Amino acid sequence: MSNRLGMAVLWMALLAAAIAVVWSKHEARSLFIELQRLNAERDRLDIEWGQLKLEQSAFSMHGRVEQAARVNLQMVVPRPDEVRIVKP
């Protein structure tokens, strides 16, 4: 009788170990898929960051700023007699 009980316990342990291996493998695959998704998102964000840096560079060029000041804000360079130097 004790031999049968021992065999049953061994079979249960074997079944539990097999289920643990399957669960572990499934979890590893799920985490790998998530890692791949996050890597793809990181790459997409890196590309977007580069594009935004280029756009910022283009908008901050001196000629672009001067053109925007003239056209959008109707600003003009003051004549020399209109310039006042203020000392602290």
C-alpha atoms as a PDB file:
ATOM      1  CA  MET A   1       0.000   0.000   0.000  1.00  0.00           C
ATOM      2  CA  SER A   2       2.786   2.442   0.845  1.00  0.00           C
ATOM      3  CA  ASN A   3       4.416   1.684  -2.513  1.00  0.00           C
ATOM      4  CA  ARG A   4       1.255   2.813  -4.334  1.00  0.00           C
ATOM      5  CA  LEU A   5       1.039   5.960  -2.240  1.00  0.00           C
ATOM      6  CA  GLY A   6       4.685   6.756  -2.991  1.00  0.00           C
ATOM      7  CA  MET A   7       4.087   6.275  -6.726  1.00  0.00           C
ATOM      8  CA  ALA A   8       1.005   8.493  -6.612  1.00  0.00           C
ATOM      9  CA  VAL A   9       2.970  11.235  -4.858  1.00  0.00           C
ATOM     10  CA  LEU A  10       5.774  10.946  -7.415  1.00  0.00           C
ATOM     11  CA  TRP A  11       3.260  11.165 -10.302  1.00  0.00           C
ATOM     12  CA  MET A  12       1.656  14.250  -8.711  1.00  0.00           C
ATOM     13  CA  ALA A  13       5.085  15.858  -8.275  1.00  0.00           C
ATOM     14  CA  LEU A  14       5.927  15.051 -11.896  1.00  0.00           C
ATOM     15  CA  LEU A  15       2.627  16.554 -13.078  1.00  0.00           C
ATOM     16  CA  ALA A  16       3.175  19.685 -10.964  1.00  0.00           C
ATOM     17  CA  ALA A  17       6.710  20.070 -12.348  1.00  0.00           C
ATOM     18  CA  ALA A  18       5.442  19.673 -15.928  1.00  0.00           C
ATOM     19  CA  ILE A  19       2.750  22.313 -15.368  1.00  0.00           C
ATOM     20  CA  ALA A  20       5.351  24.636 -13.825  1.00  0.00           C
ATOM     21  CA  VAL A  21       7.627  24.211 -16.853  1.00  0.00           C
ATOM     22  CA  VAL A  22       4.794  24.953 -19.281  1.00  0.00           C
ATOM     23  CA  TRP A  23       3.700  28.003 -17.263  1.00  0.00           C
ATOM     24  CA  SER A  24       7.302  29.247 -17.037  1.00  0.00           C
ATOM     25  CA  LYS A  25       7.815  28.879 -20.794  1.00  0.00           C
ATOM     26  CA  HIS A  26       4.531  30.679 -21.514  1.00  0.00           C
ATOM     27  CA  GLU A  27       5.487  33.529 -19.159  1.00  0.00           C
ATOM     28  CA  ALA A  28       8.936  33.847 -20.801  1.00  0.00           C
ATOM     29  CA  ARG A  29       7.350  34.047 -24.262  1.00  0.00           C
ATOM     30  CA  SER A  30       4.820  36.645 -23.094  1.00  0.00           C
ATOM     31  CA  LEU A  31       7.574  38.764 -21.590  1.00  0.00           C
ATOM     32  CA  PHE A  32       9.667  38.452 -24.759  1.00  0.00           C
ATOM     33  CA  ILE A  33       6.727  39.623 -26.886  1.00  0.00           C
ATOM     34  CA  GLU A  34       6.269  42.599 -24.537  1.00  0.00           C
ATOM     35  CA  LEU A  35       9.991  43.369 -24.786  1.00  0.00           C
ATOM     36  CA  GLN A  36       9.802  43.343 -28.590  1.00  0.00           C
ATOM     37  CA  ARG A  37       6.786  45.673 -28.506  1.00  0.00           C
ATOM     38  CA  LEU A  38       8.552  48.078 -26.166  1.00  0.00           C
ATOM     39  CA  ASN A  39      11.698  48.026 -28.324  1.00  0.00           C
ATOM     40  CA  ALA A  40       9.619  48.887 -31.394  1.00  0.00           C
ATOM     41  CA  GLU A  41       7.943  51.736 -29.521  1.00  0.00           C
ATOM     42  CA  ARG A  42      11.345  53.007 -28.359  1.00  0.00           C
ATOM     43  CA  ASP A  43      12.614  52.984 -31.938  1.00  0.00           C
ATOM     44  CA  ARG A  44       9.512  54.845 -33.123  1.00  0.00           C
ATOM     45  CA  LEU A  45       9.930  57.452 -30.395  1.00  0.00           C
ATOM     46  CA  ASP A  46      13.642  57.858 -31.250  1.00  0.00           C
ATOM     47  CA  ILE A  47      12.710  58.575 -34.861  1.00  0.00           C
ATOM     48  CA  GLU A  48      10.037  61.049 -33.786  1.00  0.00           C
ATOM     49  CA  TRP A  49      12.524  62.749 -31.424  1.00  0.00           C
ATOM     50  CA  GLY A  50      15.004  63.163 -34.271  1.00  0.00           C
ATOM     51  CA  GLN A  51      12.330  64.663 -36.500  1.00  0.00           C
ATOM     52  CA  LEU A  52      11.286  67.082 -33.764  1.00  0.00           C
ATOM     53  CA  LYS A  53      14.906  68.149 -33.203  1.00  0.00           C
ATOM     54  CA  LEU A  54      15.254  68.860 -36.932  1.00  0.00           C
ATOM     55  CA  GLU A  55      12.015  70.843 -36.898  1.00  0.00           C
ATOM     56  CA  GLN A  56      13.155  72.811 -33.854  1.00  0.00           C
ATOM     57  CA  SER A  57      16.452  73.547 -35.564  1.00  0.00           C
ATOM     58  CA  ALA A  58      14.666  74.791 -38.678  1.00  0.00           C
ATOM     59  CA  PHE A  59      12.309  77.032 -36.692  1.00  0.00           C
ATOM     60  CA  SER A  60      15.093  78.551 -34.606  1.00  0.00           C
ATOM     61  CA  MET A  61      17.267  79.638 -37.538  1.00  0.00           C
ATOM     62  CA  HIS A  62      17.955  83.382 -37.471  1.00  0.00           C
ATOM     63  CA  GLY A  63      16.401  84.065 -40.867  1.00  0.00           C
ATOM     64  CA  ARG A  64      13.242  82.189 -39.944  1.00  0.00           C
ATOM     65  CA  VAL A  65      12.870  84.107 -36.673  1.00  0.00           C
ATOM     66  CA  GLU A  66      13.470  87.428 -38.416  1.00  0.00           C
ATOM     67  CA  GLN A  67      10.954  86.594 -41.139  1.00  0.00           C
ATOM     68  CA  ALA A  68       8.325  85.616 -38.560  1.00  0.00           C
ATOM     69  CA  ALA A  69       8.945  88.872 -36.651  1.00  0.00           C
ATOM     70  CA  ARG A  70       8.535  90.941 -39.800  1.00  0.00           C
ATOM     71  CA  VAL A  71       5.535  89.128 -41.280  1.00  0.00           C
ATOM     72  CA  ASN A  72       3.542  87.979 -38.255  1.00  0.00           C
ATOM     73  CA  LEU A  73       4.366  90.745 -35.782  1.00  0.00           C
ATOM     74  CA  GLN A  74       5.039  93.616 -38.219  1.00  0.00           C
ATOM     75  CA  MET A  75       8.335  94.313 -36.440  1.00  0.00           C
ATOM     76  CA  VAL A  76      11.035  96.459 -38.072  1.00  0.00           C
ATOM     77  CA  VAL A  77      14.618  97.267 -37.232  1.00  0.00           C
ATOM     78  CA  PRO A  78      14.664 100.671 -35.472  1.00  0.00           C
ATOM     79  CA  ARG A  79      16.532 103.584 -37.000  1.00  0.00           C
ATOM     80  CA  PRO A  80      19.719 104.638 -35.177  1.00  0.00           C
ATOM     81  CA  ASP A  81      18.043 107.779 -33.803  1.00  0.00           C
ATOM     82  CA  GLU A  82      15.290 105.597 -32.263  1.00  0.00           C
ATOM     83  CA  VAL A  83      17.735 103.448 -30.277  1.00  0.00           C
ATOM     84  CA  ARG A  84      18.229 104.315 -26.595  1.00  0.00           C
ATOM     85  CA  ILE A  85      21.000 102.754 -24.538  1.00  0.00           C
ATOM     86  CA  VAL A  86      20.027 102.242 -20.906  1.00  0.00           C
ATOM     87  CA  LYS A  87      22.773 101.813 -18.331  1.00  0.00           C
ATOM     88  CA  PRO A  88      22.176 100.217 -14.943  1.00  0.00           C
END
